[in-house]
Amino acid sequence: MNKRLEAEKVKKRIAGRFLHKYKCSVPNCSNKRGGMTIHHRWYLFNDVIYSSYPKTSEGMLRYYTDLVPVVKAMPKRFRYLCNKHHQALERLIRYNDLTLNYLLKERRASKRNGRK
């Protein structure tokens, strides 16, 4: 079997068995394209980190395989997200609280395409 497909199976097994979800954790998400990923809510010393693995399908499979016992041990540290929402969350994390609160306030005040 293709390593990429094996990695996808491992991700789905992690999501179903330990995170009790087969869909994006963001409410009302209907994104079915772009794949899914496991998001670390916080990291621990010597954690399993995606960037530590080769950028190949074999590296991806090793990452998700190594992640299984970590998620099993502390499932509250992780979320199952579609790639779109994972990228959005990773961008939001880069802002400090003051900047983020300002941007959210401006988002609420801004009209976009006639909607609030």
Protein backbone atom coordinates (compact mmCIF):
# COMPACT_ATOMS: atom_id res chain seq x y z
CA MET A 1 0.00 0.00 0.00
CA ASN A 2 1.08 3.57 -0.71
CA LYS A 3 2.76 5.24 2.33
CA ARG A 4 0.58 8.34 1.97
CA LEU A 5 -2.59 6.24 2.10
CA GLU A 6 -1.23 4.35 5.10
CA ALA A 7 -0.57 7.68 6.85
CA GLU A 8 -4.16 8.78 6.13
CA LYS A 9 -5.44 5.54 7.68
CA VAL A 10 -3.34 6.12 10.79
CA LYS A 11 -4.67 9.71 11.08
CA LYS A 12 -8.26 8.49 10.81
CA ARG A 13 -7.59 5.78 13.39
CA ILE A 14 -6.15 8.38 15.80
CA ALA A 15 -9.15 10.67 15.25
CA GLY A 16 -11.75 7.95 15.67
CA ARG A 17 -10.21 6.00 18.51
CA PHE A 18 -8.69 8.70 20.70
CA LEU A 19 -10.30 12.00 19.66
CA HIS A 20 -13.74 10.46 19.01
CA LYS A 21 -14.24 12.40 15.78
CA TYR A 22 -14.03 11.66 12.10
CA LYS A 23 -14.62 15.27 11.08
CA CYS A 24 -13.09 18.66 11.70
CA SER A 25 -13.39 19.87 15.32
CA VAL A 26 -14.52 23.32 14.16
CA PRO A 27 -18.32 23.51 14.51
CA ASN A 28 -20.30 23.43 11.26
CA CYS A 29 -17.20 22.75 9.16
CA SER A 30 -18.23 21.16 5.89
CA ASN A 31 -14.77 21.18 4.32
CA LYS A 32 -14.30 17.81 2.68
CA ARG A 33 -11.29 18.73 0.56
CA GLY A 34 -7.75 19.56 1.54
CA GLY A 35 -7.23 16.71 3.97
CA MET A 36 -7.19 16.53 7.71
CA THR A 37 -4.48 16.80 10.36
CA ILE A 38 -3.89 16.34 14.07
CA HIS A 39 -3.27 19.68 15.82
CA HIS A 40 -1.12 19.91 18.98
CA ARG A 41 -2.86 22.29 21.37
CA TRP A 42 0.40 22.50 23.32
CA TYR A 43 3.79 20.85 23.14
CA LEU A 44 5.82 19.01 25.74
CA PHE A 45 9.58 18.53 25.96
CA ASN A 46 10.81 15.98 23.37
CA ASP A 47 7.38 15.90 21.73
CA VAL A 48 6.62 14.27 18.39
CA ILE A 49 6.80 17.22 15.97
CA TYR A 50 6.02 17.03 12.26
CA SER A 51 8.93 19.27 11.26
CA SER A 52 11.36 16.70 12.72
CA TYR A 53 10.43 14.15 10.06
CA PRO A 54 11.44 13.95 6.39
CA LYS A 55 9.07 15.72 3.99
CA THR A 56 8.20 12.45 2.24
CA SER A 57 5.23 10.12 2.38
CA GLU A 58 7.37 7.72 4.43
CA GLY A 59 8.23 10.55 6.85
CA MET A 60 4.55 11.43 7.14
CA LEU A 61 3.69 7.81 7.92
CA ARG A 62 6.43 7.62 10.58
CA TYR A 63 5.20 10.88 12.14
CA TYR A 64 1.60 9.73 12.49
CA THR A 65 2.65 6.28 13.65
CA ASP A 66 4.88 7.84 16.33
CA LEU A 67 2.04 10.20 17.29
CA VAL A 68 -0.42 7.37 18.12
CA PRO A 69 0.88 6.63 21.67
CA VAL A 70 1.27 10.35 22.40
CA VAL A 71 -2.37 11.09 21.51
CA LYS A 72 -3.51 7.97 23.32
CA ALA A 73 -1.74 9.14 26.52
CA MET A 74 -3.17 12.70 26.46
CA PRO A 75 -5.98 13.13 23.91
CA LYS A 76 -7.00 16.55 25.33
CA ARG A 77 -3.74 17.97 23.91
CA PHE A 78 -4.94 17.37 20.34
CA ARG A 79 -7.65 18.31 17.88
CA TYR A 80 -8.59 16.80 14.53
CA LEU A 81 -8.84 19.67 12.03
CA CYS A 82 -9.23 20.11 8.30
CA ASN A 83 -6.15 21.72 6.75
CA LYS A 84 -8.00 24.99 6.12
CA HIS A 85 -8.88 25.45 9.80
CA HIS A 86 -5.51 24.15 10.98
CA GLN A 87 -3.72 26.79 8.87
CA ALA A 88 -6.07 29.49 10.17
CA LEU A 89 -5.47 28.45 13.77
CA GLU A 90 -1.70 28.33 13.31
CA ARG A 91 -1.81 31.90 11.91
CA LEU A 92 -3.93 33.12 14.85
CA ILE A 93 -1.48 31.61 17.34
CA ARG A 94 1.26 33.90 16.02
CA TYR A 95 -0.51 37.01 17.36
CA ASN A 96 -0.19 38.22 20.93
CA ASP A 97 -3.44 38.65 22.87
CA LEU A 98 -3.61 42.44 22.43
CA THR A 99 -3.20 42.26 18.65
CA LEU A 100 -5.57 39.32 18.29
CA ASN A 101 -8.28 41.01 20.37
CA TYR A 102 -7.95 44.16 18.26
CA LEU A 103 -8.20 42.20 15.02
CA LEU A 104 -11.25 40.29 16.25
CA LYS A 105 -12.90 43.55 17.33
CA GLU A 106 -12.24 45.04 13.88
CA ARG A 107 -13.53 41.88 12.20
CA ARG A 108 -16.82 42.18 14.10
CA ALA A 109 -17.07 45.87 13.18
CA SER A 110 -16.26 45.34 9.51
CA LYS A 111 -18.89 44.60 6.93
CA ARG A 112 -17.92 42.01 4.38
CA ASN A 113 -20.02 41.63 1.24
CA GLY A 114 -23.00 43.22 2.94
CA ARG A 115 -22.86 40.81 5.92
CA LYS A 116 -21.87 41.48 9.49
